[in-house]
Amino acid sequence: MAFSKLPLRKAVSGLTAATALALGATLMAAPGASAVGSSACTKNIKDRTLQVVQWDHADMYTSPSFKSKVKKSVFAGSSVRVYCTAKGGDWYYGKSGKTKGWMEYHAFF
């Protein structure tokens, strides 16, 4: 029997089930969130501010990876308050202005 000839209740149920199945497949295929924030921290840093020394600027990322999205470019000479590190100290999580994100350690040393 054609979908349009089914009683309204069965049609709505079928459409709802198909939509839920499609949405579930989409969510399972979607990549994980890249904005991990401080949840990726492995070592806390107590009240420390570092100055960017890398070239003319260093990028601040959404997670401790060059594959993640750049949130902001922080210019040389700018201060960044750092809260923690990840990946053996290779990445610092901190705040520049009102933006929080991850910066690779070469930005500071």
C-alpha atoms as a PDB file:
ATOM      1  CA  MET A   1       0.000   0.000   0.000  1.00  0.00           C
ATOM      2  CA  ALA A   2       1.350   3.491  -0.844  1.00  0.00           C
ATOM      3  CA  PHE A   3       2.558   5.647   2.049  1.00  0.00           C
ATOM      4  CA  SER A   4      -0.017   8.357   1.274  1.00  0.00           C
ATOM      5  CA  LYS A   5      -2.929   5.863   1.602  1.00  0.00           C
ATOM      6  CA  LEU A   6      -2.015   4.679   5.099  1.00  0.00           C
ATOM      7  CA  PRO A   7      -4.103   5.973   7.960  1.00  0.00           C
ATOM      8  CA  LEU A   8      -2.749   9.221   9.411  1.00  0.00           C
ATOM      9  CA  ARG A   9      -1.572   7.613  12.662  1.00  0.00           C
ATOM     10  CA  LYS A  10       0.500   4.971  10.886  1.00  0.00           C
ATOM     11  CA  ALA A  11       1.891   7.561   8.477  1.00  0.00           C
ATOM     12  CA  VAL A  12       3.042   9.800  11.320  1.00  0.00           C
ATOM     13  CA  SER A  13       4.547   6.838  13.190  1.00  0.00           C
ATOM     14  CA  GLY A  14       6.447   5.725  10.108  1.00  0.00           C
ATOM     15  CA  LEU A  15       7.705   9.225   9.405  1.00  0.00           C
ATOM     16  CA  THR A  16       8.782   9.709  13.029  1.00  0.00           C
ATOM     17  CA  ALA A  17      10.679   6.401  13.047  1.00  0.00           C
ATOM     18  CA  ALA A  18      12.390   7.202   9.741  1.00  0.00           C
ATOM     19  CA  THR A  19      13.409  10.645  10.984  1.00  0.00           C
ATOM     20  CA  ALA A  20      14.794   9.240  14.241  1.00  0.00           C
ATOM     21  CA  LEU A  21      16.763   6.597  12.349  1.00  0.00           C
ATOM     22  CA  ALA A  22      18.218   9.169   9.941  1.00  0.00           C
ATOM     23  CA  LEU A  23      19.116  11.541  12.786  1.00  0.00           C
ATOM     24  CA  GLY A  24      20.762   8.741  14.761  1.00  0.00           C
ATOM     25  CA  ALA A  25      22.865   7.710  11.777  1.00  0.00           C
ATOM     26  CA  THR A  26      23.921  11.320  11.230  1.00  0.00           C
ATOM     27  CA  LEU A  27      24.948  11.772  14.861  1.00  0.00           C
ATOM     28  CA  MET A  28      26.936   8.538  14.880  1.00  0.00           C
ATOM     29  CA  ALA A  29      28.787   9.557  11.707  1.00  0.00           C
ATOM     30  CA  ALA A  30      29.532  13.089  12.898  1.00  0.00           C
ATOM     31  CA  PRO A  31      33.045  13.753  14.235  1.00  0.00           C
ATOM     32  CA  GLY A  32      33.522  14.397  17.936  1.00  0.00           C
ATOM     33  CA  ALA A  33      33.421  17.901  19.296  1.00  0.00           C
ATOM     34  CA  SER A  34      36.697  19.708  18.800  1.00  0.00           C
ATOM     35  CA  ALA A  35      36.202  22.276  21.512  1.00  0.00           C
ATOM     36  CA  VAL A  36      37.369  20.383  24.562  1.00  0.00           C
ATOM     37  CA  GLY A  37      38.290  23.349  26.732  1.00  0.00           C
ATOM     38  CA  SER A  38      40.053  22.597  29.976  1.00  0.00           C
ATOM     39  CA  SER A  39      38.756  19.005  30.093  1.00  0.00           C
ATOM     40  CA  ALA A  40      41.915  17.908  28.215  1.00  0.00           C
ATOM     41  CA  CYS A  41      44.195  19.286  30.959  1.00  0.00           C
ATOM     42  CA  THR A  42      46.652  16.832  32.473  1.00  0.00           C
ATOM     43  CA  LYS A  43      48.580  19.176  34.796  1.00  0.00           C
ATOM     44  CA  ASN A  44      47.305  22.301  36.536  1.00  0.00           C
ATOM     45  CA  ILE A  45      49.380  25.481  36.686  1.00  0.00           C
ATOM     46  CA  LYS A  46      48.960  27.821  39.651  1.00  0.00           C
ATOM     47  CA  ASP A  47      48.485  31.493  38.666  1.00  0.00           C
ATOM     48  CA  ARG A  48      51.000  31.979  35.845  1.00  0.00           C
ATOM     49  CA  THR A  49      51.117  34.492  33.001  1.00  0.00           C
ATOM     50  CA  LEU A  50      53.314  33.900  29.959  1.00  0.00           C
ATOM     51  CA  GLN A  51      54.264  36.260  27.161  1.00  0.00           C
ATOM     52  CA  VAL A  52      53.986  35.272  23.491  1.00  0.00           C
ATOM     53  CA  VAL A  53      57.448  35.321  21.908  1.00  0.00           C
ATOM     54  CA  GLN A  54      56.859  33.306  18.716  1.00  0.00           C
ATOM     55  CA  TRP A  55      57.418  35.356  15.544  1.00  0.00           C
ATOM     56  CA  ASP A  56      54.712  37.980  15.107  1.00  0.00           C
ATOM     57  CA  HIS A  57      51.831  35.909  16.510  1.00  0.00           C
ATOM     58  CA  ALA A  58      50.751  32.495  17.761  1.00  0.00           C
ATOM     59  CA  ASP A  59      47.387  30.859  17.237  1.00  0.00           C
ATOM     60  CA  MET A  60      44.965  29.848  19.986  1.00  0.00           C
ATOM     61  CA  TYR A  61      43.063  26.638  19.176  1.00  0.00           C
ATOM     62  CA  THR A  62      39.830  24.999  20.349  1.00  0.00           C
ATOM     63  CA  SER A  63      41.702  21.853  21.468  1.00  0.00           C
ATOM     64  CA  PRO A  64      45.350  20.821  21.941  1.00  0.00           C
ATOM     65  CA  SER A  65      45.888  19.941  18.276  1.00  0.00           C
ATOM     66  CA  PHE A  66      46.929  21.772  15.124  1.00  0.00           C
ATOM     67  CA  LYS A  67      43.995  20.029  13.426  1.00  0.00           C
ATOM     68  CA  SER A  68      41.479  21.907  15.576  1.00  0.00           C
ATOM     69  CA  LYS A  69      39.916  25.265  14.761  1.00  0.00           C
ATOM     70  CA  VAL A  70      41.868  28.489  15.378  1.00  0.00           C
ATOM     71  CA  LYS A  71      39.946  30.685  17.820  1.00  0.00           C
ATOM     72  CA  LYS A  72      42.263  33.683  17.850  1.00  0.00           C
ATOM     73  CA  SER A  73      45.714  34.921  16.829  1.00  0.00           C
ATOM     74  CA  VAL A  74      47.667  36.269  19.793  1.00  0.00           C
ATOM     75  CA  PHE A  75      50.386  38.737  18.833  1.00  0.00           C
ATOM     76  CA  ALA A  76      53.995  38.663  20.057  1.00  0.00           C
ATOM     77  CA  GLY A  77      54.401  40.574  23.301  1.00  0.00           C
ATOM     78  CA  SER A  78      50.845  39.770  24.446  1.00  0.00           C
ATOM     79  CA  SER A  79      50.290  38.148  27.818  1.00  0.00           C
ATOM     80  CA  VAL A  80      48.355  34.909  28.219  1.00  0.00           C
ATOM     81  CA  ARG A  81      47.199  33.654  31.591  1.00  0.00           C
ATOM     82  CA  VAL A  82      47.745  29.896  31.596  1.00  0.00           C
ATOM     83  CA  TYR A  83      45.810  27.415  33.706  1.00  0.00           C
ATOM     84  CA  CYS A  84      47.089  23.970  32.739  1.00  0.00           C
ATOM     85  CA  THR A  85      49.015  21.856  30.241  1.00  0.00           C
ATOM     86  CA  ALA A  86      48.293  18.767  28.151  1.00  0.00           C
ATOM     87  CA  LYS A  87      50.196  16.261  26.044  1.00  0.00           C
ATOM     88  CA  GLY A  88      53.297  16.266  28.232  1.00  0.00           C
ATOM     89  CA  GLY A  89      53.470  20.052  28.482  1.00  0.00           C
ATOM     90  CA  ASP A  90      53.405  20.614  24.715  1.00  0.00           C
ATOM     91  CA  TRP A  91      50.118  22.543  24.903  1.00  0.00           C
ATOM     92  CA  TYR A  92      48.962  25.254  27.323  1.00  0.00           C
ATOM     93  CA  TYR A  93      45.336  26.119  28.059  1.00  0.00           C
ATOM     94  CA  GLY A  94      44.919  29.780  28.842  1.00  0.00           C
ATOM     95  CA  LYS A  95      43.107  33.056  28.374  1.00  0.00           C
ATOM     96  CA  SER A  96      43.976  36.025  26.176  1.00  0.00           C
ATOM     97  CA  GLY A  97      41.562  38.905  26.599  1.00  0.00           C
ATOM     98  CA  LYS A  98      38.154  37.231  26.863  1.00  0.00           C
ATOM     99  CA  THR A  99      39.127  34.214  24.733  1.00  0.00           C
ATOM    100  CA  LYS A 100      40.140  30.874  26.264  1.00  0.00           C
ATOM    101  CA  GLY A 101      41.913  28.222  24.237  1.00  0.00           C
ATOM    102  CA  TRP A 102      44.970  26.060  23.604  1.00  0.00           C
ATOM    103  CA  MET A 103      48.400  27.286  22.519  1.00  0.00           C
ATOM    104  CA  GLU A 104      51.436  25.239  21.569  1.00  0.00           C
ATOM    105  CA  TYR A 105      54.389  25.714  23.943  1.00  0.00           C
ATOM    106  CA  HIS A 106      56.668  27.210  21.260  1.00  0.00           C
ATOM    107  CA  ALA A 107      54.484  30.323  21.456  1.00  0.00           C
ATOM    108  CA  PHE A 108      56.013  31.074  24.860  1.00  0.00           C
ATOM    109  CA  PHE A 109      59.525  29.600  24.850  1.00  0.00           C
END
